């Protein structure tokens, strides 16, 4: 009977140790995931900021092109008037 109780106690202790080890691993995994999430959020914020800069530069290029287009049209109109 004592041997049986001792065997049960050892089995319970082993199960307890395994449970603690599993919990510790789960906690480590959760911390790793949280760290990765933070890193991914930072990458996303950086990409969004870069996209914003690119959009602004694109709009500036469009505005500049429109301005040059208008200047070219005026110059062409002036040449046309001179040719008449």
PDB file of N, CA and C in Angstrom:
ATOM      1  N   UNK A   1       0.830  -1.184   0.000  1.00  0.00           N
ATOM      2  CA  UNK A   1       0.000   0.000   0.000  1.00  0.00           C
ATOM      3  C   UNK A   1       0.877   1.251   0.000  1.00  0.00           C
ATOM      4  N   UNK A   2       1.914   1.222   0.843  1.00  0.00           N
ATOM      5  CA  UNK A   2       2.821   2.359   0.915  1.00  0.00           C
ATOM      6  C   UNK A   2       3.551   2.549  -0.405  1.00  0.00           C
ATOM      7  N   UNK A   3       3.943   1.412  -1.023  1.00  0.00           N
ATOM      8  CA  UNK A   3       4.611   1.483  -2.322  1.00  0.00           C
ATOM      9  C   UNK A   3       3.683   2.071  -3.372  1.00  0.00           C
ATOM     10  N   UNK A   4       2.434   1.701  -3.316  1.00  0.00           N
ATOM     11  CA  UNK A   4       1.448   2.215  -4.271  1.00  0.00           C
ATOM     12  C   UNK A   4       1.261   3.706  -4.076  1.00  0.00           C
ATOM     13  N   UNK A   5       1.139   4.132  -2.817  1.00  0.00           N
ATOM     14  CA  UNK A   5       0.988   5.563  -2.527  1.00  0.00           C
ATOM     15  C   UNK A   5       2.218   6.343  -2.977  1.00  0.00           C
ATOM     16  N   UNK A   6       3.396   5.751  -2.748  1.00  0.00           N
ATOM     17  CA  UNK A   6       4.639   6.398  -3.158  1.00  0.00           C
ATOM     18  C   UNK A   6       4.713   6.497  -4.685  1.00  0.00           C
ATOM     19  N   UNK A   7       4.312   5.455  -5.366  1.00  0.00           N
ATOM     20  CA  UNK A   7       4.314   5.456  -6.834  1.00  0.00           C
ATOM     21  C   UNK A   7       3.343   6.513  -7.360  1.00  0.00           C
ATOM     22  N   UNK A   8       2.185   6.613  -6.736  1.00  0.00           N
ATOM     23  CA  UNK A   8       1.193   7.620  -7.139  1.00  0.00           C
ATOM     24  C   UNK A   8       1.743   9.018  -6.888  1.00  0.00           C
ATOM     25  N   UNK A   9       2.395   9.200  -5.731  1.00  0.00           N
ATOM     26  CA  UNK A   9       2.965  10.507  -5.395  1.00  0.00           C
ATOM     27  C   UNK A   9       4.060  10.881  -6.392  1.00  0.00           C
ATOM     28  N   UNK A  10       4.899   9.915  -6.761  1.00  0.00           N
ATOM     29  CA  UNK A  10       5.957  10.184  -7.745  1.00  0.00           C
ATOM     30  C   UNK A  10       5.353  10.548  -9.101  1.00  0.00           C
ATOM     31  N   UNK A  11       4.329   9.819  -9.467  1.00  0.00           N
ATOM     32  CA  UNK A  11       3.649  10.083 -10.733  1.00  0.00           C
ATOM     33  C   UNK A  11       3.038  11.485 -10.718  1.00  0.00           C
ATOM     34  N   UNK A  12       2.406  11.828  -9.595  1.00  0.00           N
ATOM     35  CA  UNK A  12       1.819  13.166  -9.446  1.00  0.00           C
ATOM     36  C   UNK A  12       2.899  14.246  -9.512  1.00  0.00           C
ATOM     37  N   UNK A  13       4.054  13.982  -8.864  1.00  0.00           N
ATOM     38  CA  UNK A  13       5.159  14.945  -8.888  1.00  0.00           C
ATOM     39  C   UNK A  13       5.674  15.138 -10.308  1.00  0.00           C
ATOM     40  N   UNK A  14       5.809  14.047 -11.045  1.00  0.00           N
ATOM     41  CA  UNK A  14       6.289  14.127 -12.426  1.00  0.00           C
ATOM     42  C   UNK A  14       5.293  14.906 -13.289  1.00  0.00           C
ATOM     43  N   UNK A  15       4.012  14.642 -13.089  1.00  0.00           N
ATOM     44  CA  UNK A  15       2.980  15.355 -13.836  1.00  0.00           C
ATOM     45  C   UNK A  15       3.008  16.845 -13.471  1.00  0.00           C
ATOM     46  N   UNK A  16       3.220  17.150 -12.202  1.00  0.00           N
ATOM     47  CA  UNK A  16       3.306  18.537 -11.742  1.00  0.00           C
ATOM     48  C   UNK A  16       4.504  19.227 -12.388  1.00  0.00           C
ATOM     49  N   UNK A  17       5.663  18.558 -12.408  1.00  0.00           N
ATOM     50  CA  UNK A  17       6.861  19.128 -13.030  1.00  0.00           C
ATOM     51  C   UNK A  17       6.621  19.395 -14.514  1.00  0.00           C
ATOM     52  N   UNK A  18       5.993  18.431 -15.182  1.00  0.00           N
ATOM     53  CA  UNK A  18       5.704  18.602 -16.607  1.00  0.00           C
ATOM     54  C   UNK A  18       4.746  19.768 -16.850  1.00  0.00           C
ATOM     55  N   UNK A  19       3.770  19.896 -15.968  1.00  0.00           N
ATOM     56  CA  UNK A  19       2.815  20.998 -16.091  1.00  0.00           C
ATOM     57  C   UNK A  19       3.516  22.337 -15.914  1.00  0.00           C
ATOM     58  N   UNK A  20       4.385  22.424 -14.909  1.00  0.00           N
ATOM     59  CA  UNK A  20       5.143  23.658 -14.660  1.00  0.00           C
ATOM     60  C   UNK A  20       6.035  23.973 -15.862  1.00  0.00           C
ATOM     61  N   UNK A  21       6.701  22.957 -16.406  1.00  0.00           N
ATOM     62  CA  UNK A  21       7.571  23.159 -17.568  1.00  0.00           C
ATOM     63  C   UNK A  21       6.752  23.637 -18.768  1.00  0.00           C
ATOM     64  N   UNK A  22       5.583  23.045 -18.954  1.00  0.00           N
ATOM     65  CA  UNK A  22       4.712  23.458 -20.063  1.00  0.00           C
ATOM     66  C   UNK A  22       4.240  24.894 -19.882  1.00  0.00           C
ATOM     67  N   UNK A  23       3.911  25.244 -18.656  1.00  0.00           N
ATOM     68  CA  UNK A  23       3.461  26.614 -18.380  1.00  0.00           C
ATOM     69  C   UNK A  23       4.594  27.610 -18.627  1.00  0.00           C
ATOM     70  N   UNK A  24       5.796  27.263 -18.213  1.00  0.00           N
ATOM     71  CA  UNK A  24       6.950  28.146 -18.422  1.00  0.00           C
ATOM     72  C   UNK A  24       7.218  28.318 -19.913  1.00  0.00           C
ATOM     73  N   UNK A  25       7.127  27.224 -20.669  1.00  0.00           N
ATOM     74  CA  UNK A  25       7.333  27.309 -22.116  1.00  0.00           C
ATOM     75  C   UNK A  25       6.239  28.157 -22.758  1.00  0.00           C
ATOM     76  N   UNK A  26       5.007  27.975 -22.329  1.00  0.00           N
ATOM     77  CA  UNK A  26       3.908  28.768 -22.877  1.00  0.00           C
ATOM     78  C   UNK A  26       4.118  30.251 -22.589  1.00  0.00           C
ATOM     79  N   UNK A  27       4.602  30.561 -21.400  1.00  0.00           N
ATOM     80  CA  UNK A  27       4.872  31.956 -21.047  1.00  0.00           C
ATOM     81  C   UNK A  27       5.999  32.520 -21.917  1.00  0.00           C
ATOM     82  N   UNK A  28       7.045  31.744 -22.114  1.00  0.00           N
ATOM     83  CA  UNK A  28       8.148  32.180 -22.989  1.00  0.00           C
ATOM     84  C   UNK A  28       7.653  32.399 -24.418  1.00  0.00           C
ATOM     85  N   UNK A  29       6.831  31.467 -24.892  1.00  0.00           N
ATOM     86  CA  UNK A  29       6.275  31.599 -26.243  1.00  0.00           C
ATOM     87  C   UNK A  29       5.413  32.854 -26.357  1.00  0.00           C
ATOM     88  N   UNK A  30       4.630  33.130 -25.331  1.00  0.00           N
ATOM     89  CA  UNK A  30       3.775  34.321 -25.338  1.00  0.00           C
ATOM     90  C   UNK A  30       4.621  35.590 -25.366  1.00  0.00           C
ATOM     91  N   UNK A  31       5.702  35.603 -24.598  1.00  0.00           N
ATOM     92  CA  UNK A  31       6.594  36.770 -24.602  1.00  0.00           C
ATOM     93  C   UNK A  31       7.263  36.947 -25.961  1.00  0.00           C
ATOM     94  N   UNK A  32       7.657  35.842 -26.575  1.00  0.00           N
ATOM     95  CA  UNK A  32       8.264  35.901 -27.907  1.00  0.00           C
ATOM     96  C   UNK A  32       7.266  36.456 -28.916  1.00  0.00           C
ATOM     97  N   UNK A  33       6.031  35.969 -28.855  1.00  0.00           N
ATOM     98  CA  UNK A  33       4.997  36.457 -29.773  1.00  0.00           C
ATOM     99  C   UNK A  33       4.711  37.938 -29.553  1.00  0.00           C
ATOM    100  N   UNK A  34       4.691  38.356 -28.302  1.00  0.00           N
ATOM    101  CA  UNK A  34       4.451  39.772 -28.004  1.00  0.00           C
ATOM    102  C   UNK A  34       5.582  40.630 -28.564  1.00  0.00           C
ATOM    103  N   UNK A  35       6.793  40.138 -28.439  1.00  0.00           N
ATOM    104  CA  UNK A  35       7.947  40.862 -28.975  1.00  0.00           C
ATOM    105  C   UNK A  35       7.866  40.942 -30.499  1.00  0.00           C
ATOM    106  N   UNK A  36       7.520  39.836 -31.129  1.00  0.00           N
ATOM    107  CA  UNK A  36       7.376  39.818 -32.590  1.00  0.00           C
ATOM    108  C   UNK A  36       6.259  40.755 -33.032  1.00  0.00           C
ATOM    109  N   UNK A  37       5.177  40.764 -32.278  1.00  0.00           N
ATOM    110  CA  UNK A  37       4.054  41.647 -32.610  1.00  0.00           C
ATOM    111  C   UNK A  37       4.497  43.108 -32.551  1.00  0.00           C
ATOM    112  N   UNK A  38       5.250  43.447 -31.519  1.00  0.00           N
ATOM    113  CA  UNK A  38       5.752  44.817 -31.399  1.00  0.00           C
ATOM    114  C   UNK A  38       6.658  45.178 -32.564  1.00  0.00           C
ATOM    115  N   UNK A  39       7.512  44.240 -32.953  1.00  0.00           N
ATOM    116  CA  UNK A  39       8.419  44.470 -34.082  1.00  0.00           C
ATOM    117  C   UNK A  39       7.621  44.647 -35.377  1.00  0.00           C
ATOM    118  N   UNK A  40       6.615  43.804 -35.580  1.00  0.00           N
ATOM    119  CA  UNK A  40       5.793  43.902 -36.791  1.00  0.00           C
ATOM    120  C   UNK A  40       4.997  45.206 -36.826  1.00  0.00           C
ATOM    121  N   UNK A  41       4.502  45.627 -35.670  1.00  0.00           N
ATOM    122  CA  UNK A  41       3.779  46.903 -35.615  1.00  0.00           C
ATOM    123  C   UNK A  41       4.703  48.055 -35.992  1.00  0.00           C
ATOM    124  N   UNK A  42       5.939  48.006 -35.513  1.00  0.00           N
ATOM    125  CA  UNK A  42       6.906  49.057 -35.841  1.00  0.00           C
ATOM    126  C   UNK A  42       7.214  49.051 -37.332  1.00  0.00           C
ATOM    127  N   UNK A  43       7.376  47.861 -37.902  1.00  0.00           N
ATOM    128  CA  UNK A  43       7.621  47.764 -39.345  1.00  0.00           C
ATOM    129  C   UNK A  43       6.446  48.336 -40.130  1.00  0.00           C
ATOM    130  N   UNK A  44       5.230  48.047 -39.679  1.00  0.00           N
ATOM    131  CA  UNK A  44       4.037  48.568 -40.346  1.00  0.00           C
ATOM    132  C   UNK A  44       3.986  50.085 -40.256  1.00  0.00           C
ATOM    133  N   UNK A  45       4.271  50.625 -39.090  1.00  0.00           N
ATOM    134  CA  UNK A  45       4.281  52.080 -38.925  1.00  0.00           C
ATOM    135  C   UNK A  45       5.336  52.718 -39.827  1.00  0.00           C
ATOM    136  N   UNK A  46       6.511  52.099 -39.917  1.00  0.00           N
ATOM    137  CA  UNK A  46       7.575  52.614 -40.783  1.00  0.00           C
ATOM    138  C   UNK A  46       7.146  52.575 -42.248  1.00  0.00           C
ATOM    139  N   UNK A  47       6.515  51.472 -42.652  1.00  0.00           N
ATOM    140  CA  UNK A  47       6.061  51.339 -44.038  1.00  0.00           C
ATOM    141  C   UNK A  47       4.980  52.369 -44.357  1.00  0.00           C
ATOM    142  N   UNK A  48       4.075  52.601 -43.416  1.00  0.00           N
ATOM    143  CA  UNK A  48       3.021  53.595 -43.630  1.00  0.00           C
ATOM    144  C   UNK A  48       3.605  54.998 -43.741  1.00  0.00           C
ATOM    145  N   UNK A  49       4.604  55.272 -42.928  1.00  0.00           N
ATOM    146  CA  UNK A  49       5.266  56.576 -42.993  1.00  0.00           C
ATOM    147  C   UNK A  49       5.972  56.745 -44.340  1.00  0.00           C
ATOM    148  N   UNK A  50       6.644  55.695 -44.775  1.00  0.00           N
ATOM    149  CA  UNK A  50       7.334  55.743 -46.069  1.00  0.00           C
ATOM    150  C   UNK A  50       6.330  55.920 -47.209  1.00  0.00           C
ATOM    151  N   UNK A  51       5.208  55.229 -47.125  1.00  0.00           N
ATOM    152  CA  UNK A  51       4.157  55.367 -48.136  1.00  0.00           C
ATOM    153  C   UNK A  51       3.637  56.791 -48.185  1.00  0.00           C
ATOM    154  N   UNK A  52       3.463  57.386 -47.032  1.00  0.00           N
ATOM    155  CA  UNK A  52       3.001  58.770 -46.964  1.00  0.00           C
ATOM    156  C   UNK A  52       3.988  59.706 -47.653  1.00  0.00           C
ATOM    157  N   UNK A  53       5.275  59.488 -47.412  1.00  0.00           N
ATOM    158  CA  UNK A  53       6.315  60.311 -48.048  1.00  0.00           C
ATOM    159  C   UNK A  53       6.283  60.124 -49.562  1.00  0.00           C
ATOM    160  N   UNK A  54       6.156  58.879 -50.007  1.00  0.00           N
ATOM    161  CA  UNK A  54       6.121  58.596 -51.446  1.00  0.00           C
ATOM    162  C   UNK A  54       4.901  59.254 -52.092  1.00  0.00           C
ATOM    163  N   UNK A  55       3.754  59.183 -51.426  1.00  0.00           N
ATOM    164  CA  UNK A  55       2.543  59.821 -51.966  1.00  0.00           C
ATOM    165  C   UNK A  55       2.733  61.329 -52.081  1.00  0.00           C
ATOM    166  N   UNK A  56       3.349  61.919 -51.074  1.00  0.00           N
ATOM    167  CA  UNK A  56       3.589  63.363 -51.089  1.00  0.00           C
ATOM    168  C   UNK A  56       4.531  63.732 -52.236  1.00  0.00           C
ATOM    169  N   UNK A  57       5.598  62.953 -52.404  1.00  0.00           N
ATOM    170  CA  UNK A  57       6.545  63.209 -53.489  1.00  0.00           C
ATOM    171  C   UNK A  57       5.879  63.033 -54.847  1.00  0.00           C
ATOM    172  N   UNK A  58       5.024  62.028 -54.962  1.00  0.00           N
ATOM    173  CA  UNK A  58       4.304  61.797 -56.219  1.00  0.00           C
ATOM    174  C   UNK A  58       3.409  62.983 -56.540  1.00  0.00           C
ATOM    175  N   UNK A  59       2.715  63.497 -55.535  1.00  0.00           N
ATOM    176  CA  UNK A  59       1.839  64.651 -55.755  1.00  0.00           C
ATOM    177  C   UNK A  59       2.658  65.877 -56.158  1.00  0.00           C
ATOM    178  N   UNK A  60       3.811  66.062 -55.519  1.00  0.00           N
ATOM    179  CA  UNK A  60       4.681  67.183 -55.884  1.00  0.00           C
ATOM    180  C   UNK A  60       5.154  67.048 -57.329  1.00  0.00           C
ATOM    181  N   UNK A  61       5.488  65.832 -57.741  1.00  0.00           N
ATOM    182  CA  UNK A  61       5.926  65.600 -59.123  1.00  0.00           C
ATOM    183  C   UNK A  61       4.788  65.885 -60.094  1.00  0.00           C
ATOM    184  N   UNK A  62       3.580  65.478 -59.738  1.00  0.00           N
ATOM    185  CA  UNK A  62       2.417  65.759 -60.597  1.00  0.00           C
ATOM    186  C   UNK A  62       2.181  67.260 -60.707  1.00  0.00           C
ATOM    187  N   UNK A  63       2.279  67.943 -59.575  1.00  0.00           N
ATOM    188  CA  UNK A  63       2.082  69.397 -59.590  1.00  0.00           C
ATOM    189  C   UNK A  63       3.135  70.074 -60.461  1.00  0.00           C
ATOM    190  N   UNK A  64       4.366  69.623 -60.335  1.00  0.00           N
ATOM    191  CA  UNK A  64       5.457  70.190 -61.131  1.00  0.00           C
ATOM    192  C   UNK A  64       5.231  69.917 -62.619  1.00  0.00           C
ATOM    193  N   UNK A  65       4.796  68.710 -62.941  1.00  0.00           N
ATOM    194  CA  UNK A  65       4.515  68.353 -64.330  1.00  0.00           C
ATOM    195  C   UNK A  65       3.381  69.208 -64.892  1.00  0.00           C
ATOM    196  N   UNK A  66       2.348  69.415 -64.106  1.00  0.00           N
ATOM    197  CA  UNK A  66       1.231  70.259 -64.533  1.00  0.00           C
ATOM    198  C   UNK A  66       1.713  71.675 -64.792  1.00  0.00           C
ATOM    199  N   UNK A  67       2.544  72.182 -63.905  1.00  0.00           N
ATOM    200  CA  UNK A  67       3.087  73.533 -64.063  1.00  0.00           C
ATOM    201  C   UNK A  67       3.928  73.635 -65.334  1.00  0.00           C
ATOM    202  N   UNK A  68       4.780  72.654 -65.570  1.00  0.00           N
ATOM    203  CA  UNK A  68       5.619  72.664 -66.769  1.00  0.00           C
ATOM    204  C   UNK A  68       4.769  72.522 -68.030  1.00  0.00           C
ATOM    205  N   UNK A  69       3.710  71.737 -67.923  1.00  0.00           N
ATOM    206  CA  UNK A  69       2.779  71.586 -69.048  1.00  0.00           C
ATOM    207  C   UNK A  69       2.155  72.935 -69.416  1.00  0.00           C
ATOM    208  N   UNK A  70       1.740  73.666 -68.387  1.00  0.00           N
ATOM    209  CA  UNK A  70       1.136  74.987 -68.619  1.00  0.00           C
ATOM    210  C   UNK A  70       2.153  75.939 -69.241  1.00  0.00           C
ATOM    211  N   UNK A  71       3.389  75.902 -68.731  1.00  0.00           N
ATOM    212  CA  UNK A  71       4.433  76.770 -69.279  1.00  0.00           C
ATOM    213  C   UNK A  71       4.713  76.418 -70.740  1.00  0.00           C
ATOM    214  N   UNK A  72       4.744  75.126 -71.058  1.00  0.00           N
ATOM    215  CA  UNK A  72       4.979  74.686 -72.431  1.00  0.00           C
ATOM    216  C   UNK A  72       3.848  75.136 -73.343  1.00  0.00           C
ATOM    217  N   UNK A  73       2.626  75.014 -72.854  1.00  0.00           N
ATOM    218  CA  UNK A  73       1.468  75.447 -73.652  1.00  0.00           C
ATOM    219  C   UNK A  73       1.550  76.944 -73.932  1.00  0.00           C
ATOM    220  N   UNK A  74       1.904  77.730 -72.914  1.00  0.00           N
ATOM    221  CA  UNK A  74       2.040  79.178 -73.110  1.00  0.00           C
ATOM    222  C   UNK A  74       3.134  79.480 -74.130  1.00  0.00           C
ATOM    223  N   UNK A  75       4.251  78.771 -74.026  1.00  0.00           N
ATOM    224  CA  UNK A  75       5.352  78.988 -74.966  1.00  0.00           C
ATOM    225  C   UNK A  75       4.935  78.614 -76.383  1.00  0.00           C
ATOM    226  N   UNK A  76       4.212  77.518 -76.517  1.00  0.00           N
ATOM    227  CA  UNK A  76       3.745  77.102 -77.840  1.00  0.00           C
ATOM    228  C   UNK A  76       2.756  78.111 -78.408  1.00  0.00           C
ATOM    229  N   UNK A  77       1.884  78.638 -77.559  1.00  0.00           N
ATOM    230  CA  UNK A  77       0.935  79.667 -78.000  1.00  0.00           C
ATOM    231  C   UNK A  77       1.685  80.914 -78.456  1.00  0.00           C
ATOM    232  N   UNK A  78       2.734  81.276 -77.716  1.00  0.00           N
ATOM    233  CA  UNK A  78       3.526  82.454 -78.084  1.00  0.00           C
ATOM    234  C   UNK A  78       4.222  82.235 -79.424  1.00  0.00           C
ATOM    235  N   UNK A  79       4.765  81.038 -79.637  1.00  0.00           N
ATOM    236  CA  UNK A  79       5.418  80.724 -80.913  1.00  0.00           C
ATOM    237  C   UNK A  79       4.401  80.769 -82.045  1.00  0.00           C
ATOM    238  N   UNK A  80       3.228  80.229 -81.793  1.00  0.00           N
ATOM    239  CA  UNK A  80       2.169  80.239 -82.811  1.00  0.00           C
ATOM    240  C   UNK A  80       1.801  81.668 -83.176  1.00  0.00           C
ATOM    241  N   UNK A  81       1.694  82.550 -82.185  1.00  0.00           N
ATOM    242  CA  UNK A  81       1.353  83.955 -82.446  1.00  0.00           C
ATOM    243  C   UNK A  81       2.459  84.634 -83.244  1.00  0.00           C
ATOM    244  N   UNK A  82       3.715  84.315 -82.926  1.00  0.00           N
ATOM    245  CA  UNK A  82       4.835  84.919 -83.640  1.00  0.00           C
ATOM    246  C   UNK A  82       4.890  84.449 -85.091  1.00  0.00           C
ATOM    247  N   UNK A  83       4.474  83.223 -85.322  1.00  0.00           N
ATOM    248  CA  UNK A  83       4.490  82.678 -86.677  1.00  0.00           C
ATOM    249  C   UNK A  83       3.414  83.300 -87.556  1.00  0.00           C
ATOM    250  N   UNK A  84       2.396  83.850 -86.967  1.00  0.00           N
ATOM    251  CA  UNK A  84       1.296  84.435 -87.743  1.00  0.00           C
ATOM    252  C   UNK A  84       1.644  85.759 -88.277  1.00  0.00           C
TER     253      UNK A  84
END
